[in-house]
Amino acid sequence: MRVPARLVPGRVVPGRVVPRTLRGRRRAVQALMLAAVFALTPATWMHAVADSRTGTVADAPEHEVAVVFGAGLWKGRPTPYLAHRLDTAAELYRAGKVKVVLVTGDNSRAEYDEPDAMRAYLVRQGVPDGRIVSDYAGFDTWDSCVRAKKIFGVDRAVLVTQGFHIKRAIALCDAAGIESYGVGVAEPHDSVWYYGGARELFAAGKAALDVALRPDPHFLGPEETGVTEALASAGTVP
């Protein structure tokens, strides 16, 4: 009787090779387990760093600065996810939890300006223009955290982003030298939310490399006084 090819040890089937021996199969399982451990270690690190430092607007401590991370534009206006982050930042401001909002996003192309769109949205939500500071080179989370510290002189901040991203933001800002607390914006568990959560598994690996290697941002540039000046206008001594 002919044995089906898919059952013959060592035969190649689409996308898979079955080891010939029990020892080979054991090694394959061990390799898969080791790969899973390496994949989950960065996420475990982020949870350990950030778990005790996340909560709601009501839970957030009074820090002088809120940092809002970009999340894309649609026809020049914030996407729903970014709008929800900005709504939360405006709520923090109205609650007296922060005095200044630092918006950090991508402005690498003339036709794409996240920080200015974020600023305009916050002004419409009642945050004074003079209390908003723009970082035009926040191309990713690590860049935003490092620039907030090195360029804008932020030492303590409330971070605002979606729940699936907040722990990575806290861990990276912590590594950049910023004492931070995270407000994770709740979202319906739709396809975008599941995509974001899955993406975080891969982003956690890059975050671990960023912390280990500590590369300079894509664009560092000179120090800026925007946060200091905005705090001074708020009657706060930085």
C-alpha atoms as a PDB file:
ATOM      1  CA  MET A   1       0.000   0.000   0.000  1.00  0.00           C
ATOM      2  CA  ARG A   2       1.353   3.450  -0.901  1.00  0.00           C
ATOM      3  CA  VAL A   3       1.862   5.732   2.078  1.00  0.00           C
ATOM      4  CA  PRO A   4       0.563   9.281   1.460  1.00  0.00           C
ATOM      5  CA  ALA A   5       3.457  11.683   0.957  1.00  0.00           C
ATOM      6  CA  ARG A   6       2.327  13.892   3.809  1.00  0.00           C
ATOM      7  CA  LEU A   7       2.955  11.042   6.252  1.00  0.00           C
ATOM      8  CA  VAL A   8       6.449  10.089   5.102  1.00  0.00           C
ATOM      9  CA  PRO A   9       9.063  11.376   7.610  1.00  0.00           C
ATOM     10  CA  GLY A  10      11.521  13.778   6.025  1.00  0.00           C
ATOM     11  CA  ARG A  11       9.379  14.401   2.960  1.00  0.00           C
ATOM     12  CA  VAL A  12       8.873  18.027   2.015  1.00  0.00           C
ATOM     13  CA  VAL A  13       5.275  19.189   2.159  1.00  0.00           C
ATOM     14  CA  PRO A  14       4.198  22.714   1.343  1.00  0.00           C
ATOM     15  CA  GLY A  15       5.867  25.006   3.877  1.00  0.00           C
ATOM     16  CA  ARG A  16       7.087  22.187   6.154  1.00  0.00           C
ATOM     17  CA  VAL A  17       9.781  19.548   6.623  1.00  0.00           C
ATOM     18  CA  VAL A  18       9.033  16.710   9.055  1.00  0.00           C
ATOM     19  CA  PRO A  19      12.222  15.552  10.853  1.00  0.00           C
ATOM     20  CA  ARG A  20      13.050  11.885  10.277  1.00  0.00           C
ATOM     21  CA  THR A  21      13.888  10.950  13.876  1.00  0.00           C
ATOM     22  CA  LEU A  22      12.357  11.411  17.303  1.00  0.00           C
ATOM     23  CA  ARG A  23      15.492  13.317  18.325  1.00  0.00           C
ATOM     24  CA  GLY A  24      15.110  15.625  15.337  1.00  0.00           C
ATOM     25  CA  ARG A  25      11.476  16.298  16.141  1.00  0.00           C
ATOM     26  CA  ARG A  26      12.384  17.020  19.773  1.00  0.00           C
ATOM     27  CA  ARG A  27      14.995  19.529  18.655  1.00  0.00           C
ATOM     28  CA  ALA A  28      12.490  21.177  16.337  1.00  0.00           C
ATOM     29  CA  VAL A  29      10.030  21.584  19.207  1.00  0.00           C
ATOM     30  CA  GLN A  30      12.785  22.991  21.440  1.00  0.00           C
ATOM     31  CA  ALA A  31      13.768  25.466  18.728  1.00  0.00           C
ATOM     32  CA  LEU A  32      10.164  26.628  18.393  1.00  0.00           C
ATOM     33  CA  MET A  33       9.872  27.027  22.159  1.00  0.00           C
ATOM     34  CA  LEU A  34      13.125  29.009  22.295  1.00  0.00           C
ATOM     35  CA  ALA A  35      11.921  31.259  19.465  1.00  0.00           C
ATOM     36  CA  ALA A  36       8.668  31.865  21.349  1.00  0.00           C
ATOM     37  CA  VAL A  37      10.605  32.820  24.500  1.00  0.00           C
ATOM     38  CA  PHE A  38      12.768  35.288  22.561  1.00  0.00           C
ATOM     39  CA  ALA A  39       9.667  36.740  20.912  1.00  0.00           C
ATOM     40  CA  LEU A  40       7.817  37.233  24.215  1.00  0.00           C
ATOM     41  CA  THR A  41      10.737  38.454  26.339  1.00  0.00           C
ATOM     42  CA  PRO A  42      10.571  42.094  25.124  1.00  0.00           C
ATOM     43  CA  ALA A  43       6.823  42.230  25.765  1.00  0.00           C
ATOM     44  CA  THR A  44       7.353  40.786  29.254  1.00  0.00           C
ATOM     45  CA  TRP A  45      10.009  43.447  29.928  1.00  0.00           C
ATOM     46  CA  MET A  46       7.641  46.225  28.858  1.00  0.00           C
ATOM     47  CA  HIS A  47       4.851  44.953  31.105  1.00  0.00           C
ATOM     48  CA  ALA A  48       7.238  44.709  34.069  1.00  0.00           C
ATOM     49  CA  VAL A  49       8.410  48.299  33.569  1.00  0.00           C
ATOM     50  CA  ALA A  50       5.025  49.887  32.917  1.00  0.00           C
ATOM     51  CA  ASP A  51       2.263  47.893  34.624  1.00  0.00           C
ATOM     52  CA  SER A  52       2.166  50.049  37.769  1.00  0.00           C
ATOM     53  CA  ARG A  53       2.306  53.313  35.820  1.00  0.00           C
ATOM     54  CA  THR A  54      -0.839  53.272  33.702  1.00  0.00           C
ATOM     55  CA  GLY A  55      -4.353  54.419  34.411  1.00  0.00           C
ATOM     56  CA  THR A  56      -7.077  56.911  33.567  1.00  0.00           C
ATOM     57  CA  VAL A  57      -7.118  60.701  33.439  1.00  0.00           C
ATOM     58  CA  ALA A  58      -8.430  60.684  37.007  1.00  0.00           C
ATOM     59  CA  ASP A  59      -5.543  58.440  38.115  1.00  0.00           C
ATOM     60  CA  ALA A  60      -2.811  60.475  36.431  1.00  0.00           C
ATOM     61  CA  PRO A  61      -0.454  62.462  38.652  1.00  0.00           C
ATOM     62  CA  GLU A  62       0.020  66.182  38.092  1.00  0.00           C
ATOM     63  CA  HIS A  63       2.949  66.448  35.686  1.00  0.00           C
ATOM     64  CA  GLU A  64       3.684  69.663  33.844  1.00  0.00           C
ATOM     65  CA  VAL A  65       3.746  68.111  30.361  1.00  0.00           C
ATOM     66  CA  ALA A  66       1.610  65.668  28.413  1.00  0.00           C
ATOM     67  CA  VAL A  67       3.184  63.945  25.417  1.00  0.00           C
ATOM     68  CA  VAL A  68       0.791  62.866  22.659  1.00  0.00           C
ATOM     69  CA  PHE A  69       2.169  60.489  20.022  1.00  0.00           C
ATOM     70  CA  GLY A  70       1.073  60.776  16.396  1.00  0.00           C
ATOM     71  CA  ALA A  71      -1.217  58.147  14.873  1.00  0.00           C
ATOM     72  CA  GLY A  72      -1.780  59.232  11.292  1.00  0.00           C
ATOM     73  CA  LEU A  73      -3.870  61.685   9.304  1.00  0.00           C
ATOM     74  CA  TRP A  74      -6.787  61.227   6.952  1.00  0.00           C
ATOM     75  CA  LYS A  75      -7.251  64.025   4.412  1.00  0.00           C
ATOM     76  CA  GLY A  76      -5.129  66.287   6.584  1.00  0.00           C
ATOM     77  CA  ARG A  77      -7.074  65.697   9.784  1.00  0.00           C
ATOM     78  CA  PRO A  78      -6.330  63.323  12.696  1.00  0.00           C
ATOM     79  CA  THR A  79      -7.504  59.754  12.282  1.00  0.00           C
ATOM     80  CA  PRO A  80     -10.093  58.595  14.850  1.00  0.00           C
ATOM     81  CA  TYR A  81      -7.378  56.951  16.959  1.00  0.00           C
ATOM     82  CA  LEU A  82      -5.294  60.129  16.983  1.00  0.00           C
ATOM     83  CA  ALA A  83      -8.377  62.256  17.695  1.00  0.00           C
ATOM     84  CA  HIS A  84      -9.119  60.099  20.737  1.00  0.00           C
ATOM     85  CA  ARG A  85      -5.568  60.638  22.004  1.00  0.00           C
ATOM     86  CA  LEU A  86      -5.982  64.383  21.587  1.00  0.00           C
ATOM     87  CA  ASP A  87      -9.374  64.334  23.316  1.00  0.00           C
ATOM     88  CA  THR A  88      -7.683  62.665  26.290  1.00  0.00           C
ATOM     89  CA  ALA A  89      -4.858  65.226  26.315  1.00  0.00           C
ATOM     90  CA  ALA A  90      -7.412  68.045  26.291  1.00  0.00           C
ATOM     91  CA  GLU A  91      -9.178  66.353  29.212  1.00  0.00           C
ATOM     92  CA  LEU A  92      -5.888  66.186  31.119  1.00  0.00           C
ATOM     93  CA  TYR A  93      -5.370  69.890  30.495  1.00  0.00           C
ATOM     94  CA  ARG A  94      -8.878  70.850  31.599  1.00  0.00           C
ATOM     95  CA  ALA A  95      -8.494  68.720  34.726  1.00  0.00           C
ATOM     96  CA  GLY A  96      -5.330  70.616  35.673  1.00  0.00           C
ATOM     97  CA  LYS A  97      -3.202  67.482  35.420  1.00  0.00           C
ATOM     98  CA  VAL A  98      -0.854  69.092  32.855  1.00  0.00           C
ATOM     99  CA  LYS A  99       0.066  72.649  31.861  1.00  0.00           C
ATOM    100  CA  VAL A 100       1.565  72.017  28.417  1.00  0.00           C
ATOM    101  CA  VAL A 101       0.899  69.481  25.674  1.00  0.00           C
ATOM    102  CA  LEU A 102       3.800  68.313  23.499  1.00  0.00           C
ATOM    103  CA  VAL A 103       2.489  66.850  20.236  1.00  0.00           C
ATOM    104  CA  THR A 104       5.012  64.664  18.464  1.00  0.00           C
ATOM    105  CA  GLY A 105       4.589  63.262  14.978  1.00  0.00           C
ATOM    106  CA  ASP A 106       5.722  63.007  11.387  1.00  0.00           C
ATOM    107  CA  ASN A 107       6.365  66.032   9.171  1.00  0.00           C
ATOM    108  CA  SER A 108       8.831  64.411   6.794  1.00  0.00           C
ATOM    109  CA  ARG A 109       6.848  65.519   3.725  1.00  0.00           C
ATOM    110  CA  ALA A 110       5.485  68.966   2.891  1.00  0.00           C
ATOM    111  CA  GLU A 111       1.991  67.556   2.333  1.00  0.00           C
ATOM    112  CA  TYR A 112       1.922  65.570   5.577  1.00  0.00           C
ATOM    113  CA  ASP A 113       2.049  67.476   8.870  1.00  0.00           C
ATOM    114  CA  GLU A 114       0.890  65.544  11.914  1.00  0.00           C
ATOM    115  CA  PRO A 115       1.981  68.060  14.598  1.00  0.00           C
ATOM    116  CA  ASP A 116       0.159  71.022  13.038  1.00  0.00           C
ATOM    117  CA  ALA A 117      -2.995  68.947  12.555  1.00  0.00           C
ATOM    118  CA  MET A 118      -2.742  67.830  16.189  1.00  0.00           C
ATOM    119  CA  ARG A 119      -2.261  71.412  17.355  1.00  0.00           C
ATOM    120  CA  ALA A 120      -5.296  72.640  15.391  1.00  0.00           C
ATOM    121  CA  TYR A 121      -7.444  69.856  16.840  1.00  0.00           C
ATOM    122  CA  LEU A 122      -6.379  70.651  20.419  1.00  0.00           C
ATOM    123  CA  VAL A 123      -7.143  74.352  19.920  1.00  0.00           C
ATOM    124  CA  ARG A 124     -10.642  73.390  18.784  1.00  0.00           C
ATOM    125  CA  GLN A 125     -10.934  71.392  22.024  1.00  0.00           C
ATOM    126  CA  GLY A 126     -10.138  74.486  24.073  1.00  0.00           C
ATOM    127  CA  VAL A 127      -6.413  74.074  24.744  1.00  0.00           C
ATOM    128  CA  PRO A 128      -4.703  77.481  24.287  1.00  0.00           C
ATOM    129  CA  ASP A 129      -2.324  77.583  21.331  1.00  0.00           C
ATOM    130  CA  GLY A 130       0.429  78.927  23.593  1.00  0.00           C
ATOM    131  CA  ARG A 131       0.273  75.786  25.722  1.00  0.00           C
ATOM    132  CA  ILE A 132       0.890  73.449  22.788  1.00  0.00           C
ATOM    133  CA  VAL A 133       4.420  72.611  21.616  1.00  0.00           C
ATOM    134  CA  SER A 134       5.135  70.781  18.348  1.00  0.00           C
ATOM    135  CA  ASP A 135       7.821  68.192  17.686  1.00  0.00           C
ATOM    136  CA  TYR A 136       8.015  67.787  13.924  1.00  0.00           C
ATOM    137  CA  ALA A 137      10.484  64.862  13.942  1.00  0.00           C
ATOM    138  CA  GLY A 138       8.704  62.257  16.078  1.00  0.00           C
ATOM    139  CA  PHE A 139       9.031  59.578  13.423  1.00  0.00           C
ATOM    140  CA  ASP A 140       8.616  56.692  15.865  1.00  0.00           C
ATOM    141  CA  THR A 141       8.136  56.176  19.592  1.00  0.00           C
ATOM    142  CA  TRP A 142      11.851  56.034  20.407  1.00  0.00           C
ATOM    143  CA  ASP A 143      12.548  59.221  18.457  1.00  0.00           C
ATOM    144  CA  SER A 144       9.679  60.992  20.223  1.00  0.00           C
ATOM    145  CA  CYS A 145      10.889  59.968  23.678  1.00  0.00           C
ATOM    146  CA  VAL A 146      14.538  60.859  23.071  1.00  0.00           C
ATOM    147  CA  ARG A 147      13.667  64.188  21.489  1.00  0.00           C
ATOM    148  CA  ALA A 148      11.261  65.050  24.318  1.00  0.00           C
ATOM    149  CA  LYS A 149      14.175  64.628  26.726  1.00  0.00           C
ATOM    150  CA  LYS A 150      17.165  65.911  24.749  1.00  0.00           C
ATOM    151  CA  ILE A 151      15.570  68.595  22.582  1.00  0.00           C
ATOM    152  CA  PHE A 152      12.653  69.847  24.675  1.00  0.00           C
ATOM    153  CA  GLY A 153      14.065  69.193  28.155  1.00  0.00           C
ATOM    154  CA  VAL A 154      11.122  67.124  29.424  1.00  0.00           C
ATOM    155  CA  ASP A 155      11.966  65.236  32.624  1.00  0.00           C
ATOM    156  CA  ARG A 156       8.476  64.143  33.720  1.00  0.00           C
ATOM    157  CA  ALA A 157       5.390  63.619  31.585  1.00  0.00           C
ATOM    158  CA  VAL A 158       1.990  62.023  31.216  1.00  0.00           C
ATOM    159  CA  LEU A 159       2.020  59.963  28.023  1.00  0.00           C
ATOM    160  CA  VAL A 160      -1.127  59.625  25.940  1.00  0.00           C
ATOM    161  CA  THR A 161      -1.719  56.856  23.410  1.00  0.00           C
ATOM    162  CA  GLN A 162      -3.890  53.768  22.940  1.00  0.00           C
ATOM    163  CA  GLY A 163      -3.816  51.012  25.529  1.00  0.00           C
ATOM    164  CA  PHE A 164      -1.974  48.543  23.305  1.00  0.00           C
ATOM    165  CA  HIS A 165       0.865  51.076  22.808  1.00  0.00           C
ATOM    166  CA  ILE A 166       1.104  52.742  26.207  1.00  0.00           C
ATOM    167  CA  LYS A 167       3.433  50.237  27.876  1.00  0.00           C
ATOM    168  CA  ARG A 168       5.971  50.500  25.064  1.00  0.00           C
ATOM    169  CA  ALA A 169       5.810  54.284  25.257  1.00  0.00           C
ATOM    170  CA  ILE A 170       6.438  54.230  29.011  1.00  0.00           C
ATOM    171  CA  ALA A 171       9.321  51.767  28.707  1.00  0.00           C
ATOM    172  CA  LEU A 172      11.024  53.787  25.971  1.00  0.00           C
ATOM    173  CA  CYS A 173      10.539  57.139  27.694  1.00  0.00           C
ATOM    174  CA  ASP A 174      11.869  55.567  30.881  1.00  0.00           C
ATOM    175  CA  ALA A 175      14.987  54.455  28.972  1.00  0.00           C
ATOM    176  CA  ALA A 176      15.307  57.957  27.503  1.00  0.00           C
ATOM    177  CA  GLY A 177      15.347  59.463  31.003  1.00  0.00           C
ATOM    178  CA  ILE A 178      11.750  60.652  31.351  1.00  0.00           C
ATOM    179  CA  GLU A 179       9.755  59.798  34.471  1.00  0.00           C
ATOM    180  CA  SER A 180       6.390  59.008  32.954  1.00  0.00           C
ATOM    181  CA  TYR A 181       2.841  57.894  33.654  1.00  0.00           C
ATOM    182  CA  GLY A 182       0.656  56.545  30.875  1.00  0.00           C
ATOM    183  CA  VAL A 183      -2.988  57.140  30.118  1.00  0.00           C
ATOM    184  CA  GLY A 184      -4.104  54.391  27.764  1.00  0.00           C
ATOM    185  CA  VAL A 185      -6.996  55.458  25.562  1.00  0.00           C
ATOM    186  CA  ALA A 186      -9.694  52.794  25.401  1.00  0.00           C
ATOM    187  CA  GLU A 187     -10.951  51.749  21.972  1.00  0.00           C
ATOM    188  CA  PRO A 188     -13.530  49.238  20.667  1.00  0.00           C
ATOM    189  CA  HIS A 189     -11.905  45.918  19.842  1.00  0.00           C
ATOM    190  CA  ASP A 190     -12.269  46.352  16.093  1.00  0.00           C
ATOM    191  CA  SER A 191      -9.928  45.276  13.291  1.00  0.00           C
ATOM    192  CA  VAL A 192      -7.679  48.322  13.841  1.00  0.00           C
ATOM    193  CA  TRP A 193      -7.337  47.496  17.538  1.00  0.00           C
ATOM    194  CA  TYR A 194      -6.424  43.865  16.818  1.00  0.00           C
ATOM    195  CA  TYR A 195      -3.915  44.977  14.182  1.00  0.00           C
ATOM    196  CA  GLY A 196      -2.351  47.387  16.654  1.00  0.00           C
ATOM    197  CA  GLY A 197      -2.118  44.724  19.335  1.00  0.00           C
ATOM    198  CA  ALA A 198      -0.499  42.225  16.963  1.00  0.00           C
ATOM    199  CA  ARG A 199       1.915  44.867  15.711  1.00  0.00           C
ATOM    200  CA  GLU A 200       3.064  45.514  19.266  1.00  0.00           C
ATOM    201  CA  LEU A 201       4.538  42.003  19.495  1.00  0.00           C
ATOM    202  CA  PHE A 202       6.966  42.913  16.712  1.00  0.00           C
ATOM    203  CA  ALA A 203       7.429  46.501  17.872  1.00  0.00           C
ATOM    204  CA  ALA A 204       8.464  45.219  21.301  1.00  0.00           C
ATOM    205  CA  GLY A 205      11.522  43.604  19.739  1.00  0.00           C
ATOM    206  CA  LYS A 206      12.563  46.871  18.097  1.00  0.00           C
ATOM    207  CA  ALA A 207      11.963  48.678  21.389  1.00  0.00           C
ATOM    208  CA  ALA A 208      14.314  46.280  23.178  1.00  0.00           C
ATOM    209  CA  LEU A 209      16.975  46.913  20.533  1.00  0.00           C
ATOM    210  CA  ASP A 210      16.495  50.670  20.829  1.00  0.00           C
ATOM    211  CA  VAL A 211      17.028  50.477  24.583  1.00  0.00           C
ATOM    212  CA  ALA A 212      20.073  48.233  24.186  1.00  0.00           C
ATOM    213  CA  LEU A 213      21.721  50.215  21.367  1.00  0.00           C
ATOM    214  CA  ARG A 214      20.311  53.699  22.178  1.00  0.00           C
ATOM    215  CA  PRO A 215      20.555  55.067  18.630  1.00  0.00           C
ATOM    216  CA  ASP A 216      20.149  58.779  18.002  1.00  0.00           C
ATOM    217  CA  PRO A 217      16.791  59.755  16.487  1.00  0.00           C
ATOM    218  CA  HIS A 218      16.535  60.036  12.703  1.00  0.00           C
ATOM    219  CA  PHE A 219      16.788  63.795  13.238  1.00  0.00           C
ATOM    220  CA  LEU A 220      18.084  65.205  16.508  1.00  0.00           C
ATOM    221  CA  GLY A 221      18.800  68.855  15.815  1.00  0.00           C
ATOM    222  CA  PRO A 222      19.406  71.697  18.292  1.00  0.00           C
ATOM    223  CA  GLU A 223      17.699  72.130  21.640  1.00  0.00           C
ATOM    224  CA  GLU A 224      14.377  73.978  21.577  1.00  0.00           C
ATOM    225  CA  THR A 225      12.834  76.212  24.232  1.00  0.00           C
ATOM    226  CA  GLY A 226       9.178  75.652  23.346  1.00  0.00           C
ATOM    227  CA  VAL A 227       8.276  73.668  26.466  1.00  0.00           C
ATOM    228  CA  THR A 228      10.176  76.039  28.780  1.00  0.00           C
ATOM    229  CA  GLU A 229       8.460  79.067  27.251  1.00  0.00           C
ATOM    230  CA  ALA A 230       5.016  77.467  27.381  1.00  0.00           C
ATOM    231  CA  LEU A 231       5.486  76.577  31.059  1.00  0.00           C
ATOM    232  CA  ALA A 232       6.629  80.124  31.779  1.00  0.00           C
ATOM    233  CA  SER A 233       3.473  81.463  30.122  1.00  0.00           C
ATOM    234  CA  ALA A 234       1.499  79.151  32.389  1.00  0.00           C
ATOM    235  CA  GLY A 235       3.215  80.665  35.425  1.00  0.00           C
ATOM    236  CA  THR A 236       5.176  77.477  36.057  1.00  0.00           C
ATOM    237  CA  VAL A 237       8.926  77.525  36.670  1.00  0.00           C
ATOM    238  CA  PRO A 238      10.466  74.560  34.745  1.00  0.00           C
END
